[in-house]
Protein backbone atom coordinates (compact mmCIF):
# COMPACT_ATOMS: atom_id res chain seq x y z
CA MET A 1 -73.82 -43.06 44.00
CA LYS A 2 -71.44 -41.42 41.54
CA PHE A 3 -73.27 -39.87 38.61
CA ASP A 4 -71.68 -39.73 35.17
CA ALA A 5 -74.14 -37.56 33.22
CA LEU A 6 -77.31 -35.50 33.44
CA VAL A 7 -79.59 -36.00 30.43
CA VAL A 8 -82.18 -33.23 29.92
CA ILE A 9 -84.80 -34.40 27.45
CA ASP A 10 -87.07 -32.21 25.30
CA VAL A 11 -87.40 -29.14 27.50
CA GLN A 12 -88.08 -27.04 24.45
CA THR A 13 -89.73 -23.67 24.04
CA SER A 14 -92.90 -24.89 22.35
CA LEU A 15 -93.51 -27.56 24.99
CA VAL A 16 -92.88 -25.24 27.93
CA ASN A 17 -95.03 -22.51 26.37
CA ALA A 18 -97.90 -25.05 26.29
CA HIS A 19 -97.72 -25.00 30.13
CA PRO A 20 -97.02 -28.53 31.34
CA TYR A 21 -98.03 -29.61 34.84
CA GLN A 22 -96.19 -27.58 37.49
CA GLU A 23 -94.24 -25.74 34.80
CA GLU A 24 -92.43 -23.33 37.14
CA THR A 25 -91.47 -26.09 39.57
CA LEU A 26 -90.18 -28.24 36.70
CA ILE A 27 -87.94 -25.46 35.38
CA GLN A 28 -86.68 -24.54 38.86
CA ASN A 29 -85.91 -28.18 39.66
CA ILE A 30 -84.03 -28.70 36.41
CA GLN A 31 -82.11 -25.46 37.03
CA LYS A 32 -81.11 -26.84 40.43
CA LEU A 33 -79.92 -30.13 38.86
CA LEU A 34 -77.95 -28.23 36.23
CA LYS A 35 -76.27 -26.07 38.86
CA GLU A 36 -75.34 -29.00 41.08
CA CYS A 37 -74.09 -31.16 38.22
CA ARG A 38 -72.02 -28.36 36.71
CA GLU A 39 -70.46 -27.61 40.09
CA LYS A 40 -69.40 -31.26 40.34
CA GLN A 41 -68.31 -31.33 36.69
CA ILE A 42 -70.89 -33.94 35.78
CA PRO A 43 -71.43 -33.72 32.01
CA VAL A 44 -74.75 -32.26 30.89
CA ILE A 45 -76.42 -33.62 27.77
CA TYR A 46 -79.46 -32.01 26.19
CA VAL A 47 -81.69 -34.04 23.91
CA ARG A 48 -83.88 -32.02 21.56
CA HIS A 49 -86.79 -33.44 19.56
CA ASP A 50 -87.25 -32.64 15.88
CA GLY A 51 -90.90 -33.27 14.99
CA GLY A 52 -90.38 -32.70 11.27
CA LYS A 53 -91.74 -30.22 8.75
CA ASN A 54 -94.60 -28.03 10.03
CA ASP A 55 -94.48 -29.56 13.54
CA GLU A 56 -94.33 -27.32 16.60
CA LEU A 57 -90.87 -28.85 17.18
CA GLU A 58 -89.62 -28.42 13.61
CA ALA A 59 -85.83 -28.09 13.61
CA GLY A 60 -84.64 -24.51 13.38
CA THR A 61 -87.88 -22.92 14.63
CA ASP A 62 -88.23 -20.93 17.84
CA GLY A 63 -90.40 -23.67 19.38
CA TRP A 64 -87.68 -26.26 18.75
CA GLN A 65 -85.06 -24.36 20.74
CA ILE A 66 -84.13 -25.54 24.23
CA TYR A 67 -86.06 -23.43 26.72
CA HIS A 68 -84.09 -20.27 27.52
CA ALA A 69 -84.21 -20.65 31.32
CA ILE A 70 -82.20 -23.88 31.11
CA ALA A 71 -80.19 -23.14 27.98
CA PRO A 72 -77.07 -25.20 27.29
CA GLN A 73 -73.63 -23.88 28.11
CA PRO A 74 -70.81 -24.13 25.53
CA GLU A 75 -69.39 -27.24 27.22
CA ASP A 76 -72.72 -29.12 27.13
CA LYS A 77 -73.54 -31.72 24.50
CA VAL A 78 -76.74 -31.27 22.44
CA ILE A 79 -78.20 -34.25 20.63
CA ASP A 80 -81.12 -34.07 18.21
CA LYS A 81 -83.62 -36.90 17.88
CA ARG A 82 -86.65 -37.79 15.78
CA PHE A 83 -88.15 -40.57 17.93
CA ASN A 84 -89.42 -40.88 21.51
CA SER A 85 -86.27 -42.71 22.57
CA SER A 86 -83.24 -40.48 23.00
CA PHE A 87 -81.13 -43.43 21.85
CA ARG A 88 -82.80 -44.37 18.56
CA GLN A 89 -80.75 -43.19 15.57
CA THR A 90 -78.75 -40.70 17.65
CA ASP A 91 -75.20 -40.67 18.93
CA LEU A 92 -76.28 -40.60 22.60
CA ARG A 93 -75.06 -44.10 23.39
CA GLU A 94 -71.74 -43.54 21.64
CA TYR A 95 -71.27 -40.26 23.47
CA LEU A 96 -72.07 -41.86 26.84
CA GLU A 97 -69.55 -44.61 26.08
CA SER A 98 -66.92 -42.02 25.12
CA ILE A 99 -67.22 -40.38 28.56
CA HIS A 100 -67.46 -43.79 30.30
CA ALA A 101 -70.92 -43.01 31.67
CA LYS A 102 -72.82 -45.74 33.49
CA ASN A 103 -74.96 -43.81 36.01
CA LEU A 104 -77.40 -41.35 34.47
CA ILE A 105 -79.79 -38.74 35.79
CA LEU A 106 -82.79 -38.24 33.49
CA CYS A 107 -85.18 -35.28 33.54
CA GLY A 108 -87.43 -33.41 31.14
CA MET A 109 -90.54 -33.94 29.07
CA GLN A 110 -92.86 -35.68 28.45
CA THR A 111 -93.17 -38.18 31.25
CA GLU A 112 -95.19 -40.83 29.42
CA TYR A 113 -93.47 -40.45 26.06
CA CYS A 114 -89.83 -39.48 25.66
CA ILE A 115 -88.80 -39.82 29.30
CA ASP A 116 -90.41 -43.25 29.58
CA ALA A 117 -88.95 -44.53 26.29
CA SER A 118 -85.48 -43.16 27.10
CA CYS A 119 -85.56 -44.58 30.63
CA LYS A 120 -86.46 -48.06 29.41
CA VAL A 121 -83.89 -48.06 26.61
CA ALA A 122 -81.20 -46.84 29.01
CA PHE A 123 -82.16 -49.73 31.29
CA GLU A 124 -81.85 -52.17 28.38
CA TYR A 125 -78.37 -50.80 27.68
CA GLU A 126 -77.54 -51.46 31.35
CA TYR A 127 -77.27 -47.86 32.49
CA LYS A 128 -78.29 -47.12 36.06
CA VAL A 129 -80.95 -44.44 35.82
CA THR A 130 -82.02 -42.00 38.52
CA ILE A 131 -85.05 -39.73 38.20
CA ALA A 132 -85.90 -37.14 40.83
CA LYS A 133 -89.53 -36.44 41.56
CA GLY A 134 -90.54 -33.08 40.19
CA THR A 135 -88.08 -33.17 37.29
CA THR A 136 -90.36 -34.62 34.62
CA SER A 137 -93.68 -33.27 33.42
CA THR A 138 -96.48 -33.70 30.93
CA TYR A 139 -100.00 -32.44 30.21
CA ASP A 140 -103.51 -33.49 31.13
CA THR A 141 -104.98 -36.00 28.67
CA THR A 142 -108.49 -37.23 27.99
CA ILE A 143 -107.84 -40.34 30.08
CA ALA A 144 -105.73 -39.02 32.95
CA CYS A 145 -104.54 -35.79 34.47
CA ALA A 146 -100.83 -34.95 34.29
CA LYS A 147 -100.38 -35.30 38.06
CA ASP A 148 -101.69 -38.88 37.98
CA LEU A 149 -99.64 -39.79 34.91
CA ILE A 150 -96.44 -38.55 36.52
CA GLU A 151 -97.16 -40.36 39.78
CA TYR A 152 -98.05 -43.55 37.90
CA TYR A 153 -94.78 -43.60 35.95
CA GLU A 154 -92.64 -42.62 38.93
CA GLU A 155 -94.18 -45.05 41.40
CA ARG A 156 -95.60 -47.93 39.33
CA ILE A 157 -93.53 -48.12 36.17
CA TRP A 158 -90.00 -46.81 36.79
CA LYS A 159 -89.35 -47.12 40.54
CA ASN A 160 -87.33 -50.21 41.41
CA ARG A 161 -87.80 -51.57 37.90
CA TYR A 162 -86.14 -49.30 35.36
CA ALA A 163 -84.84 -46.52 37.59
CA SER A 164 -84.24 -45.24 41.05
CA VAL A 165 -86.92 -42.62 41.72
CA ILE A 166 -86.01 -40.37 44.63
CA SER A 167 -86.73 -36.89 45.95
CA LEU A 168 -84.89 -33.96 44.45
CA GLU A 169 -83.36 -33.20 47.86
CA GLU A 170 -81.97 -36.74 48.10
CA LEU A 171 -80.56 -36.55 44.58
CA VAL A 172 -78.92 -33.18 45.27
CA GLN A 173 -77.26 -34.66 48.37
CA GLU A 174 -75.98 -37.62 46.33
CA ILE A 175 -74.62 -35.26 43.66
CA LYS A 176 -72.82 -33.21 46.30
CA GLN A 177 -71.09 -36.42 47.43
CA ASN A 178 -70.07 -37.25 43.83
């Protein structure tokens, strides 16, 4: 498959510093996607959440910044959002249309919130979405551990419904053929 954009959602300093499930693996896997996409000149789009005044993700604070290990390059697009969906009241859809994007790679945080909402909205807008295992993360909750939440969304919610969920190795091979 030919990919038109990589969308990195909410990998922000405050969230990474709270130590999501398999934090190091998540960052390494996203770094690998960034490297492969940039080599193939696939546009990279960062989506950054603004939680509002006094929130850990308040715009302009250190915690709001995109995590340094995957920081945007000058040619990357950065889009700020206030809702779980990366599309709601942002210019993401317009930007994707301007670059004629139809096939998206999604990664980032948090699996059951912003990744899930963005995946489903992208599906509704008729984008083909691909998510590689090990490129989304979240935290343990009172009702489920992060590992189970991630597996549930990858295998029971997204896979073959809203997105193609494949291994990182398979996705990297597809990108190399782009």
